[in-house]
Amino acid sequence: MVIGLGVARLLSGIARIIQHPKQYPLYPVHLAWAASVLLMLAHFWWWEFGLFRVDQWTFGKYLFLIGYAVALFLLCALLFPESLLDYRSYEEFFYERRAWFFGVLAAIYVIDVGDTLLKGDAHFASFGIEYLIRTPLIIMLCIAAMFVQNRRFHVSFVGAKLLYQFWWITRFFDTIV
């Protein structure tokens, strides 16, 4: 349900842009992050089917997953707030709120380690050394993005993140076994 709220938040933000295209100047990096987060939400929905492998459920594990979904929703809300009245453009909004956005995104990758372990040692091991390199690298890039305002850095980061996301999903999550 919480993931559905996140999807609705992103789609409502996109619909607002379509309905009022001249209200606020668009920023491609912001839109690319919206696409990346939408893909993250779809991927979350898909990969959580892997939880059928968990032998014993506890309320703590359940709360952990709700927390993960809440963090993803918060990411959506940080991309499309209720109002942009304090900002002149999506670009200005993005750079003013980037510390929150990338802080939550980094936290999501930390939470993902717990989620991956929750699915079992074999699942965790199936990603090999790549997971152990990828996760800290993305977290470090998120921390850098919290402080860096350089437009080229942000274009490169979101572009590489989207490409890697597609590559990761098609390699590891194309089918549910």
Protein backbone atom coordinates (compact mmCIF):
# COMPACT_ATOMS: atom_id res chain seq x y z
CA MET A 1 0.00 0.00 0.00
CA VAL A 2 2.78 2.43 0.90
CA ILE A 3 4.55 1.69 -2.38
CA GLY A 4 1.28 2.39 -4.19
CA LEU A 5 1.16 5.79 -2.48
CA GLY A 6 4.68 6.47 -3.73
CA VAL A 7 3.76 5.55 -7.29
CA ALA A 8 0.68 7.78 -7.00
CA ARG A 9 2.84 10.66 -5.72
CA LEU A 10 5.25 10.38 -8.64
CA LEU A 11 2.51 10.02 -11.23
CA SER A 12 0.60 12.95 -9.74
CA GLY A 13 3.75 15.05 -9.98
CA ILE A 14 4.23 14.07 -13.61
CA ALA A 15 0.53 14.75 -14.31
CA ARG A 16 0.89 18.22 -12.72
CA ILE A 17 3.79 18.94 -15.08
CA ILE A 18 1.70 17.81 -18.06
CA GLN A 19 -1.31 19.83 -16.92
CA HIS A 20 0.69 23.00 -16.21
CA PRO A 21 3.87 22.77 -18.30
CA LYS A 22 4.68 26.48 -18.02
CA GLN A 23 4.04 26.84 -14.30
CA TYR A 24 7.60 25.88 -13.32
CA PRO A 25 10.56 25.32 -15.64
CA LEU A 26 11.45 21.65 -15.85
CA TYR A 27 14.84 20.19 -15.00
CA PRO A 28 15.91 16.99 -16.78
CA VAL A 29 17.96 15.76 -13.81
CA HIS A 30 14.89 16.02 -11.57
CA LEU A 31 12.80 14.12 -14.13
CA ALA A 32 15.51 11.47 -14.49
CA TRP A 33 15.53 10.94 -10.72
CA ALA A 34 11.74 10.65 -10.83
CA ALA A 35 12.14 7.91 -13.47
CA SER A 36 14.81 6.19 -11.38
CA VAL A 37 12.64 6.24 -8.27
CA LEU A 38 9.62 4.97 -10.22
CA LEU A 39 11.79 2.08 -11.41
CA MET A 40 12.93 1.51 -7.81
CA LEU A 41 9.29 1.27 -6.70
CA ALA A 42 8.39 -1.19 -9.46
CA HIS A 43 11.52 -3.20 -8.65
CA PHE A 44 10.69 -3.20 -4.93
CA TRP A 45 7.23 -4.55 -5.67
CA TRP A 46 8.73 -7.23 -7.88
CA TRP A 47 11.62 -8.32 -5.69
CA GLU A 48 9.57 -8.53 -2.50
CA PHE A 49 7.92 -11.59 -4.02
CA GLY A 50 11.23 -13.20 -3.03
CA LEU A 51 10.11 -12.98 0.57
CA PHE A 52 8.22 -16.25 0.14
CA ARG A 53 11.60 -17.82 0.96
CA VAL A 54 11.55 -16.41 4.50
CA ASP A 55 10.75 -19.38 6.73
CA GLN A 56 9.56 -17.54 9.78
CA TRP A 57 8.01 -14.10 9.91
CA THR A 58 8.18 -11.87 12.94
CA PHE A 59 6.52 -8.55 13.60
CA GLY A 60 10.00 -6.99 13.59
CA LYS A 61 10.66 -8.22 10.03
CA TYR A 62 7.26 -6.89 9.00
CA LEU A 63 7.99 -3.47 10.53
CA PHE A 64 11.37 -3.45 8.81
CA LEU A 65 9.70 -3.90 5.41
CA ILE A 66 7.15 -1.20 6.19
CA GLY A 67 10.06 1.09 7.10
CA TYR A 68 11.71 0.31 3.76
CA ALA A 69 8.49 1.18 1.92
CA VAL A 70 8.09 4.38 3.95
CA ALA A 71 11.63 5.46 3.02
CA LEU A 72 10.80 4.89 -0.66
CA PHE A 73 7.60 6.94 -0.28
CA LEU A 74 9.58 9.74 1.37
CA LEU A 75 11.89 9.77 -1.64
CA CYS A 76 8.83 10.33 -3.86
CA ALA A 77 7.57 13.14 -1.64
CA LEU A 78 11.00 14.78 -1.78
CA LEU A 79 10.83 14.80 -5.58
CA PHE A 80 7.27 16.13 -5.80
CA PRO A 81 6.26 18.22 -2.78
CA GLU A 82 2.74 19.46 -2.16
CA SER A 83 3.78 22.90 -3.42
CA LEU A 84 6.69 24.56 -5.17
CA LEU A 85 5.62 28.08 -4.16
CA ASP A 86 8.97 28.82 -2.50
CA TYR A 87 10.91 27.93 -5.67
CA ARG A 88 11.14 29.32 -9.19
CA SER A 89 11.85 26.00 -10.92
CA TYR A 90 12.28 22.27 -10.41
CA GLU A 91 16.02 22.83 -10.74
CA GLU A 92 16.10 25.30 -7.86
CA PHE A 93 13.90 23.00 -5.79
CA PHE A 94 16.10 19.97 -6.56
CA TYR A 95 19.33 21.66 -5.50
CA GLU A 96 17.79 23.24 -2.41
CA ARG A 97 16.42 19.89 -1.21
CA ARG A 98 19.21 17.64 -2.52
CA ALA A 99 20.69 16.89 0.93
CA TRP A 100 17.37 15.38 2.04
CA PHE A 101 16.84 13.49 -1.21
CA PHE A 102 20.30 11.96 -1.35
CA GLY A 103 20.36 11.34 2.41
CA VAL A 104 17.18 9.26 2.13
CA LEU A 105 18.48 7.55 -1.02
CA ALA A 106 21.69 6.57 0.80
CA ALA A 107 19.63 5.27 3.73
CA ILE A 108 17.57 3.17 1.31
CA TYR A 109 20.73 1.43 0.11
CA VAL A 110 21.68 0.69 3.72
CA ILE A 111 18.17 -0.67 4.34
CA ASP A 112 18.49 -2.76 1.18
CA VAL A 113 21.39 -4.67 2.72
CA GLY A 114 19.08 -5.71 5.57
CA ASP A 115 16.35 -6.63 3.09
CA THR A 116 18.78 -8.72 1.05
CA LEU A 117 19.97 -10.53 4.17
CA LEU A 118 16.34 -11.08 5.21
CA LYS A 119 15.86 -13.19 2.09
CA GLY A 120 18.63 -15.53 3.21
CA ASP A 121 22.34 -16.11 2.91
CA ALA A 122 22.02 -17.81 -0.48
CA HIS A 123 20.16 -14.79 -1.88
CA PHE A 124 22.78 -12.41 -0.50
CA ALA A 125 25.61 -14.55 -1.87
CA SER A 126 23.96 -14.77 -5.30
CA PHE A 127 24.97 -11.16 -6.01
CA GLY A 128 28.64 -11.90 -5.42
CA ILE A 129 31.28 -9.27 -4.84
CA GLU A 130 29.44 -6.82 -7.10
CA TYR A 131 26.83 -6.15 -4.41
CA LEU A 132 29.55 -5.50 -1.84
CA ILE A 133 31.14 -2.94 -4.17
CA ARG A 134 27.99 -1.44 -5.67
CA THR A 135 26.19 -0.66 -2.44
CA PRO A 136 28.96 1.34 -0.66
CA LEU A 137 29.80 3.07 -3.95
CA ILE A 138 26.23 4.28 -4.45
CA ILE A 139 26.05 5.37 -0.80
CA MET A 140 29.30 7.36 -1.21
CA LEU A 141 27.99 8.98 -4.41
CA CYS A 142 24.77 9.91 -2.59
CA ILE A 143 26.77 11.50 0.22
CA ALA A 144 28.82 13.44 -2.33
CA ALA A 145 25.62 14.49 -4.14
CA MET A 146 24.31 15.95 -0.88
CA PHE A 147 27.07 18.56 -1.01
CA VAL A 148 28.00 18.89 -4.69
CA GLN A 149 25.99 21.32 -6.78
CA ASN A 150 27.94 20.75 -9.99
CA ARG A 151 25.41 20.09 -12.77
CA ARG A 152 27.70 17.72 -14.68
CA PHE A 153 28.14 15.57 -11.59
CA HIS A 154 24.38 15.30 -11.14
CA VAL A 155 23.73 14.56 -14.82
CA SER A 156 26.43 11.88 -14.77
CA PHE A 157 25.22 10.38 -11.50
CA VAL A 158 21.57 10.03 -12.48
CA GLY A 159 22.46 8.83 -15.98
CA ALA A 160 24.83 6.17 -14.70
CA LYS A 161 22.38 5.21 -11.95
CA LEU A 162 19.54 4.66 -14.44
CA LEU A 163 21.68 2.60 -16.80
CA TYR A 164 23.04 0.50 -13.96
CA GLN A 165 19.55 0.04 -12.50
CA PHE A 166 18.25 -1.41 -15.78
CA TRP A 167 21.33 -3.62 -16.11
CA TRP A 168 21.09 -4.86 -12.50
CA ILE A 169 17.36 -5.62 -12.73
CA THR A 170 17.59 -7.48 -16.05
CA ARG A 171 20.53 -9.57 -14.84
CA PHE A 172 19.29 -10.53 -11.38
CA PHE A 173 15.54 -10.01 -11.26
CA ASP A 174 14.15 -10.79 -14.69
CA THR A 175 12.33 -13.82 -13.33
CA ILE A 176 11.26 -14.90 -9.87
CA VAL A 177 12.60 -18.32 -8.99
